[in-house]
Amino acid sequence: MAKHHPDDITQALDRVAFASQSAFHDGVRAYQKHGYKRGVDDAPVVWAEGATRIHDYGAVAGAKAQNPLGIVVLVPSLVNRGYILDLNKKRSFARFLASVGYRPLLVDWGYPGDEETNYGLDDYIAGRLVTVLQDVADMNGGPVPLVGYCMGGLLALAATLIDPAQVSRLVLLATPWDFMAAGPTQGRIAAAFAPSLPHMLSIHDSLPVDVLQSLFASLDPFMIGEKFRRFGALPENSPKVDDFVALEDWLNDGVPLTRRVAIDCLIGWYVENKPAKGEWQIDGININPADISCPTLAVIPENDRIVPPESAQALFENLPKDLRTELHPSSGHIGMMVGSRAEKSTWQPVLDWMTG
């Protein structure tokens, strides 16, 4: 076997590292130069309070006339913009539901304004979301299906327990529950950040988006480099290019968290694990999945790095056995909703369950 001088090995490693870094920079520059623009949302606003808006996808082009299946409410996370459920016209769960006869109403929490400055989870859930459900149920002439995605699933679960008469069926998409189920990594990251949180919130009115993105990126520190290297290698005319830019624009269009919500989530959930311990309360009510009284579907993607499957599975296991159904698409946290196989692996099975 030939022997290699240490300098040769060092130089080879340097070349590999330089090539990897150059490919990353090329991908970032290609993304920055791309001309994609999402454009104005064509779904009209049918409800508004403070910074929150509800967009009516039953009124967009391609919606089935008269929306015979009735209203379904879609609840996204507070920390990301709701249009992940309507990324573009071909990758849109909201438009898919509209095309088959539902009237999807998508909650857009918006950026916290003067009215939301002192909001905590109690205000967003027991105040705003429950009010939305009551008003929408009146519009529908009865209870409605409620679909929550990621953190939005926890909001939807809590709102259903507070006012169960307004919800006919509950869908929980990649919704966390036990924040230690997959090991202590997420908790350790949050715990390491926790001591600086009070000081940061004494300077800012809310927790800045950049801080939140750094926390999420730390869950998989190599992912950013990998995805931009793959993007830089795509042909310019590839349809995957527009999809990548659309998704990356959404990721970079985050929403800051109010002081109280930041503490409720980052400390109460990720550090203290209150939901799994049975200690999470909203408006004085224990949020216990076992108390759900409507049919509930838990969609748990197998390759989720944001919400580990073990965390979402813990929520499913705590739902009433006679009311729960589970679905395990072979996808990741975001791919389950906007990936090339999202319609087949997630949208259609969710539709089948809701209409069944």
Protein backbone atom coordinates (compact mmCIF):
# COMPACT_ATOMS: atom_id res chain seq x y z
CA MET A 1 0.00 0.00 0.00
CA ALA A 2 1.41 3.37 -0.99
CA LYS A 3 2.29 5.74 1.82
CA HIS A 4 1.05 9.32 1.70
CA HIS A 5 2.96 12.24 3.11
CA PRO A 6 1.00 14.18 5.77
CA ASP A 7 1.25 17.32 3.63
CA ASP A 8 -0.45 15.52 0.73
CA ILE A 9 -3.38 14.55 2.97
CA THR A 10 -3.67 18.10 4.30
CA GLN A 11 -3.70 19.54 0.80
CA ALA A 12 -6.33 17.02 -0.33
CA LEU A 13 -8.55 17.92 2.62
CA ASP A 14 -8.05 21.61 1.86
CA ARG A 15 -9.16 21.08 -1.74
CA VAL A 16 -12.28 19.21 -0.62
CA ALA A 17 -13.13 21.89 1.94
CA PHE A 18 -12.57 24.70 -0.59
CA ALA A 19 -14.73 22.98 -3.20
CA SER A 20 -17.51 22.42 -0.67
CA GLN A 21 -17.40 26.04 0.51
CA SER A 22 -17.33 27.36 -3.06
CA ALA A 23 -20.35 25.24 -4.01
CA PHE A 24 -22.19 26.60 -0.97
CA HIS A 25 -21.40 30.21 -1.92
CA ASP A 26 -22.44 29.57 -5.53
CA GLY A 27 -25.78 28.21 -4.34
CA VAL A 28 -26.40 31.19 -2.06
CA ARG A 29 -25.55 33.65 -4.82
CA ALA A 30 -27.82 31.82 -7.27
CA TYR A 31 -30.66 32.04 -4.76
CA GLN A 32 -30.07 35.75 -4.11
CA LYS A 33 -30.06 36.55 -7.84
CA HIS A 34 -33.18 34.56 -8.68
CA GLY A 35 -36.14 36.66 -9.78
CA TYR A 36 -38.96 34.62 -8.26
CA LYS A 37 -41.68 36.64 -6.50
CA ARG A 38 -44.67 35.05 -4.83
CA GLY A 39 -46.96 37.97 -5.64
CA VAL A 40 -50.12 39.14 -3.92
CA ASP A 41 -52.34 36.55 -2.26
CA ASP A 42 -55.58 36.29 -4.26
CA ALA A 43 -57.54 34.75 -1.38
CA PRO A 44 -59.77 37.52 0.05
CA VAL A 45 -59.80 38.36 3.75
CA VAL A 46 -63.11 37.42 5.42
CA TRP A 47 -62.21 38.02 9.07
CA ALA A 48 -59.76 40.32 10.84
CA GLU A 49 -58.82 41.22 14.37
CA GLY A 50 -55.61 42.98 15.35
CA ALA A 51 -52.80 41.59 13.20
CA THR A 52 -54.71 38.36 12.44
CA ARG A 53 -56.41 37.80 9.10
CA ILE A 54 -58.36 34.87 7.68
CA HIS A 55 -58.04 34.22 3.94
CA ASP A 56 -60.91 32.52 2.11
CA TYR A 57 -59.59 29.96 -0.38
CA GLY A 58 -63.11 28.94 -1.30
CA ALA A 59 -63.17 32.10 -3.41
CA VAL A 60 -59.99 31.57 -5.45
CA ALA A 61 -59.80 30.46 -9.06
CA GLY A 62 -60.15 26.69 -9.30
CA ALA A 63 -62.33 26.35 -6.21
CA LYS A 64 -65.28 24.02 -6.68
CA ALA A 65 -68.47 26.01 -7.06
CA GLN A 66 -70.56 26.51 -3.92
CA ASN A 67 -68.04 24.66 -1.68
CA PRO A 68 -70.43 21.73 -1.03
CA LEU A 69 -68.20 20.17 1.68
CA GLY A 70 -68.36 23.27 3.85
CA ILE A 71 -65.70 25.18 5.75
CA VAL A 72 -62.39 23.80 7.02
CA VAL A 73 -60.10 25.98 9.15
CA LEU A 74 -56.31 25.78 8.66
CA VAL A 75 -54.10 26.88 11.56
CA PRO A 76 -50.36 27.45 10.99
CA SER A 77 -47.62 28.12 13.52
CA LEU A 78 -47.18 31.52 15.14
CA VAL A 79 -43.51 31.60 14.18
CA ASN A 80 -43.84 31.04 10.41
CA ARG A 81 -46.11 32.64 7.84
CA GLY A 82 -49.28 30.70 7.09
CA TYR A 83 -48.68 30.57 3.34
CA ILE A 84 -46.67 27.37 3.74
CA LEU A 85 -50.15 25.91 3.16
CA ASP A 86 -50.33 27.93 -0.08
CA LEU A 87 -46.71 28.14 -1.17
CA ASN A 88 -47.61 28.65 -4.82
CA LYS A 89 -50.47 27.58 -7.07
CA LYS A 90 -49.13 24.06 -7.63
CA ARG A 91 -47.92 23.44 -4.08
CA SER A 92 -50.94 24.50 -2.08
CA PHE A 93 -52.84 22.36 0.40
CA ALA A 94 -55.43 25.14 0.71
CA ARG A 95 -56.12 25.24 -3.05
CA PHE A 96 -56.25 21.45 -3.19
CA LEU A 97 -59.00 21.38 -0.58
CA ALA A 98 -60.84 24.15 -2.43
CA SER A 99 -60.65 22.22 -5.70
CA VAL A 100 -62.52 19.24 -4.22
CA GLY A 101 -65.33 21.24 -2.61
CA TYR A 102 -64.16 22.54 0.76
CA ARG A 103 -64.08 26.20 1.68
CA PRO A 104 -60.64 26.46 3.32
CA LEU A 105 -60.17 29.41 5.66
CA LEU A 106 -56.47 29.96 6.37
CA VAL A 107 -55.47 31.79 9.55
CA ASP A 108 -52.66 34.31 9.01
CA TRP A 109 -51.45 35.42 12.44
CA GLY A 110 -49.48 38.31 10.98
CA TYR A 111 -46.65 40.18 12.68
CA PRO A 112 -47.44 41.10 16.31
CA GLY A 113 -48.73 44.66 16.43
CA ASP A 114 -49.67 47.04 19.23
CA GLU A 115 -52.64 44.89 20.19
CA GLU A 116 -50.53 41.73 20.49
CA THR A 117 -47.49 43.20 22.27
CA ASN A 118 -48.36 41.58 25.60
CA TYR A 119 -49.99 38.47 24.17
CA GLY A 120 -49.19 35.03 25.49
CA LEU A 121 -50.47 31.68 24.29
CA ASP A 122 -53.62 32.19 26.39
CA ASP A 123 -54.49 35.29 24.35
CA TYR A 124 -53.80 33.69 20.97
CA ILE A 125 -55.69 30.49 21.77
CA ALA A 126 -58.46 31.20 24.31
CA GLY A 127 -58.96 34.69 22.96
CA ARG A 128 -58.34 34.86 19.24
CA LEU A 129 -58.49 31.30 17.91
CA VAL A 130 -61.57 30.31 19.90
CA THR A 131 -63.29 33.49 18.69
CA VAL A 132 -62.35 32.55 15.11
CA LEU A 133 -63.88 29.09 15.57
CA GLN A 134 -67.08 30.47 17.03
CA ASP A 135 -67.51 32.98 14.21
CA VAL A 136 -66.64 30.44 11.52
CA ALA A 137 -68.98 27.81 12.98
CA ASP A 138 -71.76 30.40 12.76
CA MET A 139 -70.84 31.00 9.11
CA ASN A 140 -70.85 27.25 8.48
CA GLY A 141 -74.08 26.55 10.32
CA GLY A 142 -72.35 24.07 12.62
CA PRO A 143 -68.96 22.79 13.81
CA VAL A 144 -66.08 22.66 11.36
CA PRO A 145 -63.01 20.48 10.73
CA LEU A 146 -59.89 22.07 12.21
CA VAL A 147 -56.41 21.41 10.79
CA GLY A 148 -53.28 22.51 12.68
CA TYR A 149 -49.74 22.33 11.32
CA CYS A 150 -46.68 22.03 13.61
CA MET A 151 -47.07 24.55 16.45
CA GLY A 152 -50.46 25.34 14.91
CA GLY A 153 -51.48 21.80 15.85
CA LEU A 154 -50.91 22.58 19.53
CA LEU A 155 -52.95 25.77 19.17
CA ALA A 156 -55.73 23.82 17.43
CA LEU A 157 -55.68 21.06 20.05
CA ALA A 158 -55.98 23.55 22.90
CA ALA A 159 -58.75 25.54 21.19
CA THR A 160 -60.71 22.33 20.60
CA LEU A 161 -60.49 21.42 24.29
CA ILE A 162 -61.59 24.91 25.32
CA ASP A 163 -64.63 24.99 23.02
CA PRO A 164 -65.26 21.46 21.66
CA ALA A 165 -68.71 22.33 20.31
CA GLN A 166 -67.15 24.26 17.41
CA VAL A 167 -64.95 21.43 16.04
CA SER A 168 -66.27 18.38 14.18
CA ARG A 169 -62.90 16.78 13.33
CA LEU A 170 -59.33 17.59 14.27
CA VAL A 171 -56.23 17.05 12.12
CA LEU A 172 -52.80 17.41 13.74
CA LEU A 173 -50.02 17.71 11.15
CA ALA A 174 -46.50 17.09 12.52
CA THR A 175 -47.57 18.35 15.93
CA PRO A 176 -45.10 18.02 18.83
CA TRP A 177 -46.06 16.93 22.33
CA ASP A 178 -43.22 15.27 24.22
CA PHE A 179 -40.23 17.54 23.66
CA MET A 180 -37.84 15.02 25.23
CA ALA A 181 -39.14 11.89 23.49
CA ALA A 182 -36.37 11.77 20.90
CA GLY A 183 -33.62 12.60 23.38
CA PRO A 184 -32.57 15.80 25.13
CA THR A 185 -31.00 17.60 22.14
CA GLN A 186 -33.75 20.16 21.58
CA GLY A 187 -34.14 20.75 25.31
CA ARG A 188 -30.40 21.26 25.76
CA ILE A 189 -30.29 23.81 22.94
CA ALA A 190 -33.21 25.71 24.47
CA ALA A 191 -31.75 25.42 27.99
CA ALA A 192 -28.41 26.82 26.80
CA PHE A 193 -30.26 29.75 25.25
CA ALA A 194 -32.65 30.31 28.19
CA PRO A 195 -30.35 32.43 30.44
CA SER A 196 -29.99 35.07 27.70
CA LEU A 197 -33.72 35.20 26.98
CA PRO A 198 -34.73 37.72 29.70
CA HIS A 199 -31.96 40.13 28.70
CA MET A 200 -32.82 39.83 25.02
CA LEU A 201 -36.51 40.45 25.71
CA SER A 202 -35.66 43.49 27.84
CA ILE A 203 -34.07 45.04 24.75
CA HIS A 204 -36.56 43.93 22.10
CA ASP A 205 -40.35 44.07 22.12
CA SER A 206 -40.35 40.55 20.75
CA LEU A 207 -37.94 37.69 20.10
CA PRO A 208 -36.32 38.51 16.73
CA VAL A 209 -36.73 36.20 13.76
CA ASP A 210 -32.95 35.80 13.34
CA VAL A 211 -32.69 34.34 16.83
CA LEU A 212 -35.46 31.85 16.14
CA GLN A 213 -33.91 30.82 12.83
CA SER A 214 -30.57 30.24 14.56
CA LEU A 215 -32.25 27.95 17.08
CA PHE A 216 -33.96 25.93 14.36
CA ALA A 217 -30.75 25.75 12.31
CA SER A 218 -28.88 24.36 15.31
CA LEU A 219 -31.11 21.27 15.21
CA ASP A 220 -29.35 20.24 11.98
CA PRO A 221 -26.30 22.49 11.48
CA PHE A 222 -25.17 20.81 8.25
CA MET A 223 -28.53 21.10 6.48
CA ILE A 224 -28.06 24.70 5.26
CA GLY A 225 -24.80 23.96 3.49
CA GLU A 226 -26.15 20.79 1.94
CA LYS A 227 -29.31 22.35 0.53
CA PHE A 228 -27.53 25.32 -1.07
CA ARG A 229 -24.89 23.07 -2.62
CA ARG A 230 -27.66 20.94 -4.14
CA PHE A 231 -29.47 24.06 -5.35
CA GLY A 232 -26.36 25.48 -7.00
CA ALA A 233 -25.96 22.27 -8.99
CA LEU A 234 -29.49 22.42 -10.49
CA PRO A 235 -29.93 23.46 -14.14
CA GLU A 236 -31.34 27.00 -14.39
CA ASN A 237 -34.44 25.81 -16.24
CA SER A 238 -35.25 23.06 -13.75
CA PRO A 239 -38.73 23.36 -12.21
CA LYS A 240 -37.07 22.51 -8.90
CA VAL A 241 -35.36 25.92 -8.95
CA ASP A 242 -38.57 27.93 -8.53
CA ASP A 243 -39.79 25.51 -5.87
CA PHE A 244 -36.55 25.90 -3.90
CA VAL A 245 -36.65 29.69 -4.05
CA ALA A 246 -40.34 29.78 -3.08
CA LEU A 247 -39.67 27.62 -0.04
CA GLU A 248 -36.50 29.46 0.96
CA ASP A 249 -38.34 32.80 0.72
CA TRP A 250 -40.97 31.40 3.10
CA LEU A 251 -38.30 30.18 5.52
CA ASN A 252 -36.74 33.64 5.54
CA ASP A 253 -40.11 35.33 6.06
CA GLY A 254 -40.43 34.36 9.71
CA VAL A 255 -42.47 36.07 12.39
CA PRO A 256 -41.09 37.30 15.74
CA LEU A 257 -42.63 35.96 18.94
CA THR A 258 -44.00 38.22 21.65
CA ARG A 259 -42.18 38.14 24.99
CA ARG A 260 -44.79 35.98 26.69
CA VAL A 261 -45.16 33.54 23.79
CA ALA A 262 -41.36 33.14 23.57
CA ILE A 263 -41.23 32.22 27.26
CA ASP A 264 -44.32 29.99 27.03
CA CYS A 265 -42.82 28.02 24.14
CA LEU A 266 -39.05 28.02 24.53
CA ILE A 267 -39.07 27.55 28.29
CA GLY A 268 -42.46 25.97 28.98
CA TRP A 269 -42.30 23.50 26.09
CA TYR A 270 -38.68 22.88 25.13
CA VAL A 271 -37.04 23.18 28.57
CA GLU A 272 -39.77 22.21 31.04
CA ASN A 273 -41.69 19.88 28.69
CA LYS A 274 -45.00 20.95 30.24
CA PRO A 275 -47.31 19.33 27.64
CA ALA A 276 -45.95 15.80 28.16
CA LYS A 277 -45.86 16.28 31.94
CA GLY A 278 -49.55 17.26 32.02
CA GLU A 279 -48.67 20.75 33.23
CA TRP A 280 -49.62 22.86 30.22
CA GLN A 281 -52.66 25.02 30.83
CA ILE A 282 -54.50 27.54 28.69
CA ASP A 283 -56.97 29.88 30.35
CA GLY A 284 -56.88 27.67 33.45
CA ILE A 285 -57.75 24.51 31.51
CA ASN A 286 -55.41 21.51 31.46
CA ILE A 287 -54.55 20.68 27.87
CA ASN A 288 -54.90 16.91 27.95
CA PRO A 289 -55.27 15.07 24.61
CA ALA A 290 -57.21 12.32 26.41
CA ASP A 291 -60.07 14.80 26.82
CA ILE A 292 -60.59 15.28 23.07
CA SER A 293 -64.15 14.35 22.10
CA CYS A 294 -64.04 14.48 18.29
CA PRO A 295 -62.38 12.17 15.74
CA THR A 296 -58.71 13.13 15.46
CA LEU A 297 -56.08 12.35 12.84
CA ALA A 298 -52.39 12.60 13.74
CA VAL A 299 -50.13 12.89 10.69
CA ILE A 300 -46.58 11.95 11.70
CA PRO A 301 -43.97 12.23 8.92
CA GLU A 302 -41.30 9.55 9.20
CA ASN A 303 -38.33 11.78 8.33
CA ASP A 304 -39.18 14.86 10.39
CA ARG A 305 -36.13 16.67 11.82
CA ILE A 306 -38.06 19.63 13.26
CA VAL A 307 -40.67 17.60 15.16
CA PRO A 308 -39.17 14.16 15.78
CA PRO A 309 -41.70 11.38 15.08
CA GLU A 310 -41.37 10.22 18.69
CA SER A 311 -42.61 13.61 19.90
CA ALA A 312 -45.70 13.57 17.66
CA GLN A 313 -46.32 9.88 18.37
CA ALA A 314 -46.55 10.71 22.09
CA LEU A 315 -49.46 13.01 21.28
CA PHE A 316 -51.22 10.30 19.29
CA GLU A 317 -50.78 7.77 22.09
CA ASN A 318 -52.52 10.14 24.51
CA LEU A 319 -55.60 10.62 22.33
CA PRO A 320 -58.73 8.53 23.05
CA LYS A 321 -58.28 5.14 21.38
CA ASP A 322 -61.75 5.07 19.85
CA LEU A 323 -61.34 8.51 18.25
CA ARG A 324 -57.76 8.49 16.96
CA THR A 325 -56.25 7.63 13.58
CA GLU A 326 -52.60 7.92 12.56
CA LEU A 327 -50.90 8.50 9.22
CA HIS A 328 -47.14 8.17 8.59
CA PRO A 329 -46.11 9.73 5.26
CA SER A 330 -42.57 8.98 4.12
CA SER A 331 -41.47 12.62 4.11
CA GLY A 332 -40.02 15.40 6.21
CA HIS A 333 -41.58 18.21 8.20
CA ILE A 334 -41.95 20.61 5.29
CA GLY A 335 -41.96 18.11 2.43
CA MET A 336 -45.13 16.54 3.82
CA MET A 337 -46.99 19.75 2.86
CA VAL A 338 -45.16 21.13 -0.19
CA GLY A 339 -42.99 18.31 -1.54
CA SER A 340 -43.45 16.71 -4.94
CA ARG A 341 -45.27 13.77 -3.29
CA ALA A 342 -47.30 15.84 -0.81
CA GLU A 343 -50.61 15.41 -2.60
CA LYS A 344 -50.35 11.62 -2.74
CA SER A 345 -48.77 11.05 0.68
CA THR A 346 -50.49 13.71 2.79
CA TRP A 347 -53.19 15.83 1.12
CA GLN A 348 -55.29 13.03 -0.34
CA PRO A 349 -55.19 10.77 2.75
CA VAL A 350 -56.16 13.72 4.95
CA LEU A 351 -59.02 14.53 2.58
CA ASP A 352 -60.16 10.91 2.55
CA TRP A 353 -60.21 10.85 6.34
CA MET A 354 -62.08 14.15 6.66
CA THR A 355 -64.75 13.15 4.16
CA GLY A 356 -64.96 9.59 5.43
